[in-house]
């Protein structure tokens, strides 16, 4: 009976983790001279990391920085790290709404603003919150199952010690 409960809790936990895992968010920007082409999602989740990759002519710059301008005049500045293909980094947009992504590229002492990419950022919906709640419940049930097993084994060990002392 206990093994069946543990198996059920583990199955529930694995299913919940798979269901509530957030899909990967990415933004790819390819620079061509003074033009930029993008590969982006229709919308992004608020406060979830966005993997940003800048390629193409980006390798000729000394540094590339993202400047995200959001609702209410909020601005987030994120420097990107050089990679073999160009630059990459992570960006978190902390408010829902439409954000404009600008790239600031530096070559020597000269800076240049490139691109004006609009991104739509949405707050999590009820199903996403429900997924996190189900995951928390599964974790609680799993911990309870482990505690029950540990207590039963401790009680059995105590019974065996008492029984061997009497004989």
Foldseek 3Di string as FASTA:
>chain_A
DLVVLLVVLVVLLVVLCVVLDDDAFEKEWEDDPQAIDIDGDQAAEAQDKYKYYYAHPQQQFPWKWKWKADPPRDIDIGTWDQDPGHTIDIDGHHDFDKIWIWMWTHHPNDIDIGGTDIHGYDYDDPVSVVSVVSNVVSVVSNVVSVVVVVVVVVVVVVVVVVVVVVD
